[in-house]
């Protein structure tokens, strides 16, 4: 299972989750920072969740 956040240009911003998860409901919280811990600006970001061959993607808005 992986959960990755991308910016509008398709660049990887951060990876929130990676690795095996047991079946069930899970949640993840993104603090609006990149992998280095630097805060990002307001705007639209995209997420991609992949698990066992199933990929889900969507967009989200970060407001500061």
C-alpha atoms as a PDB file:
ATOM      1  CA  UNK A   1       0.000   0.000   0.000  1.00  0.00           C
ATOM      2  CA  UNK A   2       1.281   3.439  -0.838  1.00  0.00           C
ATOM      3  CA  UNK A   3      -0.201   6.925  -0.494  1.00  0.00           C
ATOM      4  CA  UNK A   4       1.666   9.676  -2.338  1.00  0.00           C
ATOM      5  CA  UNK A   5       0.993  13.419  -2.752  1.00  0.00           C
ATOM      6  CA  UNK A   6       1.915  15.303  -5.960  1.00  0.00           C
ATOM      7  CA  UNK A   7       1.876  18.993  -6.944  1.00  0.00           C
ATOM      8  CA  UNK A   8       0.166  20.495 -10.012  1.00  0.00           C
ATOM      9  CA  UNK A   9       3.202  19.730 -12.191  1.00  0.00           C
ATOM     10  CA  UNK A  10       3.163  16.062 -11.239  1.00  0.00           C
ATOM     11  CA  UNK A  11       6.205  16.244  -8.988  1.00  0.00           C
ATOM     12  CA  UNK A  12       6.196  14.012  -5.934  1.00  0.00           C
ATOM     13  CA  UNK A  13       5.736  16.116  -2.796  1.00  0.00           C
ATOM     14  CA  UNK A  14       5.687  13.453  -0.108  1.00  0.00           C
ATOM     15  CA  UNK A  15       4.813   9.835   0.536  1.00  0.00           C
ATOM     16  CA  UNK A  16       2.471   9.484   3.508  1.00  0.00           C
ATOM     17  CA  UNK A  17       2.172   5.709   3.692  1.00  0.00           C
ATOM     18  CA  UNK A  18       4.190   2.827   2.353  1.00  0.00           C
ATOM     19  CA  UNK A  19       4.185  -0.832   3.237  1.00  0.00           C
ATOM     20  CA  UNK A  20       1.815  -3.596   4.248  1.00  0.00           C
ATOM     21  CA  UNK A  21      -1.487  -2.830   5.990  1.00  0.00           C
ATOM     22  CA  UNK A  22      -3.988  -5.295   7.400  1.00  0.00           C
ATOM     23  CA  UNK A  23      -7.450  -5.271   5.828  1.00  0.00           C
ATOM     24  CA  UNK A  24      -9.762  -2.629   7.259  1.00  0.00           C
ATOM     25  CA  UNK A  25     -10.330   1.103   7.401  1.00  0.00           C
ATOM     26  CA  UNK A  26      -7.259   3.322   7.706  1.00  0.00           C
ATOM     27  CA  UNK A  27      -6.643   7.056   7.722  1.00  0.00           C
ATOM     28  CA  UNK A  28      -3.685   9.310   7.051  1.00  0.00           C
ATOM     29  CA  UNK A  29      -3.097  12.961   7.908  1.00  0.00           C
ATOM     30  CA  UNK A  30      -1.000  15.253   5.738  1.00  0.00           C
ATOM     31  CA  UNK A  31       0.421  18.275   7.522  1.00  0.00           C
ATOM     32  CA  UNK A  32       0.906  20.309   4.328  1.00  0.00           C
ATOM     33  CA  UNK A  33       4.676  19.872   4.275  1.00  0.00           C
ATOM     34  CA  UNK A  34       7.017  18.262   1.767  1.00  0.00           C
ATOM     35  CA  UNK A  35       9.386  15.355   2.525  1.00  0.00           C
ATOM     36  CA  UNK A  36      11.984  17.764   3.933  1.00  0.00           C
ATOM     37  CA  UNK A  37       9.420  19.240   6.354  1.00  0.00           C
ATOM     38  CA  UNK A  38       9.124  22.582   4.547  1.00  0.00           C
ATOM     39  CA  UNK A  39       5.586  24.004   4.495  1.00  0.00           C
ATOM     40  CA  UNK A  40       3.962  24.161   1.051  1.00  0.00           C
ATOM     41  CA  UNK A  41       1.902  26.993  -0.368  1.00  0.00           C
ATOM     42  CA  UNK A  42      -1.867  26.953  -0.733  1.00  0.00           C
ATOM     43  CA  UNK A  43      -3.102  25.301  -3.888  1.00  0.00           C
ATOM     44  CA  UNK A  44      -4.344  22.117  -5.485  1.00  0.00           C
ATOM     45  CA  UNK A  45      -2.481  18.876  -4.851  1.00  0.00           C
ATOM     46  CA  UNK A  46      -3.153  15.353  -6.045  1.00  0.00           C
ATOM     47  CA  UNK A  47      -2.990  12.064  -4.194  1.00  0.00           C
ATOM     48  CA  UNK A  48      -2.477   8.531  -5.476  1.00  0.00           C
ATOM     49  CA  UNK A  49      -3.282   5.503  -3.370  1.00  0.00           C
ATOM     50  CA  UNK A  50      -2.223   2.084  -4.654  1.00  0.00           C
ATOM     51  CA  UNK A  51      -2.845  -1.271  -3.044  1.00  0.00           C
ATOM     52  CA  UNK A  52      -2.643  -4.755  -4.575  1.00  0.00           C
ATOM     53  CA  UNK A  53      -3.077  -3.543  -8.141  1.00  0.00           C
ATOM     54  CA  UNK A  54      -5.936  -1.128  -7.354  1.00  0.00           C
ATOM     55  CA  UNK A  55      -5.078   2.542  -7.887  1.00  0.00           C
ATOM     56  CA  UNK A  56      -7.200   5.472  -6.711  1.00  0.00           C
ATOM     57  CA  UNK A  57      -6.362   9.103  -7.405  1.00  0.00           C
ATOM     58  CA  UNK A  58      -7.949  12.408  -6.564  1.00  0.00           C
ATOM     59  CA  UNK A  59      -7.321  16.038  -5.848  1.00  0.00           C
ATOM     60  CA  UNK A  60      -7.358  18.118  -2.703  1.00  0.00           C
ATOM     61  CA  UNK A  61      -7.010  21.783  -1.866  1.00  0.00           C
ATOM     62  CA  UNK A  62      -4.520  23.015   0.711  1.00  0.00           C
ATOM     63  CA  UNK A  63      -5.529  26.296   2.358  1.00  0.00           C
ATOM     64  CA  UNK A  64      -3.167  28.206   4.627  1.00  0.00           C
END
